[in-house]
C-alpha atoms as a PDB file:
ATOM      1  CA  MET A   1      -1.695  19.038  15.407  1.00  0.00           C
ATOM      2  CA  GLY A   2      -1.517  16.875  12.301  1.00  0.00           C
ATOM      3  CA  GLU A   3       0.654  18.913  10.511  1.00  0.00           C
ATOM      4  CA  LYS A   4       3.168  18.888  13.491  1.00  0.00           C
ATOM      5  CA  PHE A   5       2.769  14.995  14.235  1.00  0.00           C
ATOM      6  CA  ALA A   6       4.038  14.562   9.993  1.00  0.00           C
ATOM      7  CA  HIS A   7       7.719  15.992  10.874  1.00  0.00           C
ATOM      8  CA  PHE A   8       7.954  13.216  13.271  1.00  0.00           C
ATOM      9  CA  ILE A   9       7.056  10.817  10.242  1.00  0.00           C
ATOM     10  CA  GLN A  10       9.607   8.621   8.659  1.00  0.00           C
ATOM     11  CA  ARG A  11       9.288   6.882   5.145  1.00  0.00           C
ATOM     12  CA  GLY A  12       7.810   3.246   5.649  1.00  0.00           C
ATOM     13  CA  ASP A  13       6.339   4.354   9.253  1.00  0.00           C
ATOM     14  CA  VAL A  14       2.854   2.828   9.958  1.00  0.00           C
ATOM     15  CA  TYR A  15       0.193   4.067  12.213  1.00  0.00           C
ATOM     16  CA  ALA A  16      -3.286   3.280  13.480  1.00  0.00           C
ATOM     17  CA  PHE A  17      -5.601   6.180  14.585  1.00  0.00           C
ATOM     18  CA  ILE A  18      -8.774   4.694  16.376  1.00  0.00           C
ATOM     19  CA  GLY A  19     -11.322   6.437  17.526  1.00  0.00           C
ATOM     20  CA  GLU A  20     -15.729   6.978  17.479  1.00  0.00           C
ATOM     21  CA  LEU A  21     -17.197   7.869  14.136  1.00  0.00           C
ATOM     22  CA  ALA A  22     -16.728  11.828  13.787  1.00  0.00           C
ATOM     23  CA  SER A  23     -13.726  11.909  16.192  1.00  0.00           C
ATOM     24  CA  GLY A  24     -11.704  13.691  14.082  1.00  0.00           C
ATOM     25  CA  LYS A  25      -9.196  10.921  12.514  1.00  0.00           C
ATOM     26  CA  THR A  26      -9.670  11.930   8.746  1.00  0.00           C
ATOM     27  CA  THR A  27      -8.917  15.800   9.989  1.00  0.00           C
ATOM     28  CA  PHE A  28      -5.932  14.819  11.620  1.00  0.00           C
ATOM     29  CA  ILE A  29      -4.940  12.827   8.474  1.00  0.00           C
ATOM     30  CA  LYS A  30      -5.217  16.062   6.224  1.00  0.00           C
ATOM     31  CA  GLY A  31      -3.498  17.675   8.841  1.00  0.00           C
ATOM     32  CA  ILE A  32      -0.215  14.829   8.396  1.00  0.00           C
ATOM     33  CA  LEU A  33      -0.955  15.019   4.712  1.00  0.00           C
ATOM     34  CA  LYS A  34      -0.291  18.982   4.807  1.00  0.00           C
ATOM     35  CA  GLY A  35       2.717  18.930   6.913  1.00  0.00           C
ATOM     36  CA  LEU A  36       3.821  16.153   3.885  1.00  0.00           C
ATOM     37  CA  GLU A  37       3.774  18.828   1.281  1.00  0.00           C
ATOM     38  CA  PHE A  38       0.380  17.303   0.169  1.00  0.00           C
ATOM     39  CA  CYS A  39      -1.732  19.826  -1.600  1.00  0.00           C
ATOM     40  CA  ARG A  40      -5.148  18.117  -2.851  1.00  0.00           C
ATOM     41  CA  GLN A  41      -7.998  17.302  -1.747  1.00  0.00           C
ATOM     42  CA  VAL A  42      -8.436  14.504   1.223  1.00  0.00           C
ATOM     43  CA  THR A  43     -11.321  12.724   2.092  1.00  0.00           C
ATOM     44  CA  SER A  44     -12.629  10.049   4.149  1.00  0.00           C
ATOM     45  CA  PRO A  45     -12.305   6.469   2.965  1.00  0.00           C
ATOM     46  CA  THR A  46     -15.139   5.529   4.552  1.00  0.00           C
ATOM     47  CA  PHE A  47     -16.692   4.297   1.027  1.00  0.00           C
ATOM     48  CA  THR A  48     -13.424   3.660  -0.569  1.00  0.00           C
ATOM     49  CA  LEU A  49     -12.068   1.670   1.979  1.00  0.00           C
ATOM     50  CA  VAL A  50      -8.868   2.503   1.002  1.00  0.00           C
ATOM     51  CA  ASN A  51      -7.268   6.013  -0.186  1.00  0.00           C
ATOM     52  CA  GLU A  52      -3.609   6.621  -1.644  1.00  0.00           C
ATOM     53  CA  TYR A  53      -1.920  10.152  -1.548  1.00  0.00           C
ATOM     54  CA  ASP A  54       1.264  10.808  -3.387  1.00  0.00           C
ATOM     55  CA  ALA A  55       2.875  13.047  -0.517  1.00  0.00           C
ATOM     56  CA  LYS A  56       6.872  13.776   0.699  1.00  0.00           C
ATOM     57  CA  TYR A  57       6.103   9.807   1.253  1.00  0.00           C
ATOM     58  CA  PRO A  58       3.285   7.571  -0.058  1.00  0.00           C
ATOM     59  CA  VAL A  59       0.525   7.648   2.331  1.00  0.00           C
ATOM     60  CA  ILE A  60      -2.415   4.867   2.328  1.00  0.00           C
ATOM     61  CA  HIS A  61      -5.356   5.931   4.259  1.00  0.00           C
ATOM     62  CA  VAL A  62      -7.483   3.049   5.490  1.00  0.00           C
ATOM     63  CA  ASP A  63     -11.119   2.908   6.970  1.00  0.00           C
ATOM     64  CA  CYS A  64     -11.622  -0.339   8.616  1.00  0.00           C
ATOM     65  CA  TYR A  65     -14.943   1.257  10.190  1.00  0.00           C
ATOM     66  CA  ARG A  66     -17.188  -1.384   8.406  1.00  0.00           C
ATOM     67  CA  GLU A  67     -14.995  -4.343   8.292  1.00  0.00           C
ATOM     68  CA  LYS A  68     -14.474  -6.208  11.618  1.00  0.00           C
ATOM     69  CA  ASP A  69     -13.013  -9.401   9.829  1.00  0.00           C
ATOM     70  CA  LEU A  70      -9.555  -8.892  10.706  1.00  0.00           C
ATOM     71  CA  GLU A  71      -8.100 -11.788   8.928  1.00  0.00           C
ATOM     72  CA  ARG A  72      -9.484 -10.332   5.578  1.00  0.00           C
ATOM     73  CA  TRP A  73      -7.139  -7.191   6.156  1.00  0.00           C
ATOM     74  CA  VAL A  74      -3.973  -9.278   6.693  1.00  0.00           C
ATOM     75  CA  ARG A  75      -5.230 -11.126   3.819  1.00  0.00           C
ATOM     76  CA  LEU A  76      -5.310  -7.996   1.386  1.00  0.00           C
ATOM     77  CA  GLY A  77      -2.063  -6.618   3.073  1.00  0.00           C
END
């Protein structure tokens, strides 16, 4: 499904995927990255908080699960 979704993505788009822990968000991102011609390993940013991928378009995968302070994310940009 993520791979098909990737066909609608344009450079500069921003998406937020919200769901419970282990609900398939990273699996969906893996599909998106495959659809954006990224062929290397994709991992959850649970411990790193942010993973960046150089796909057809730059993809920044952020995990906000542990961070409840919205202001911190706004400051980080």
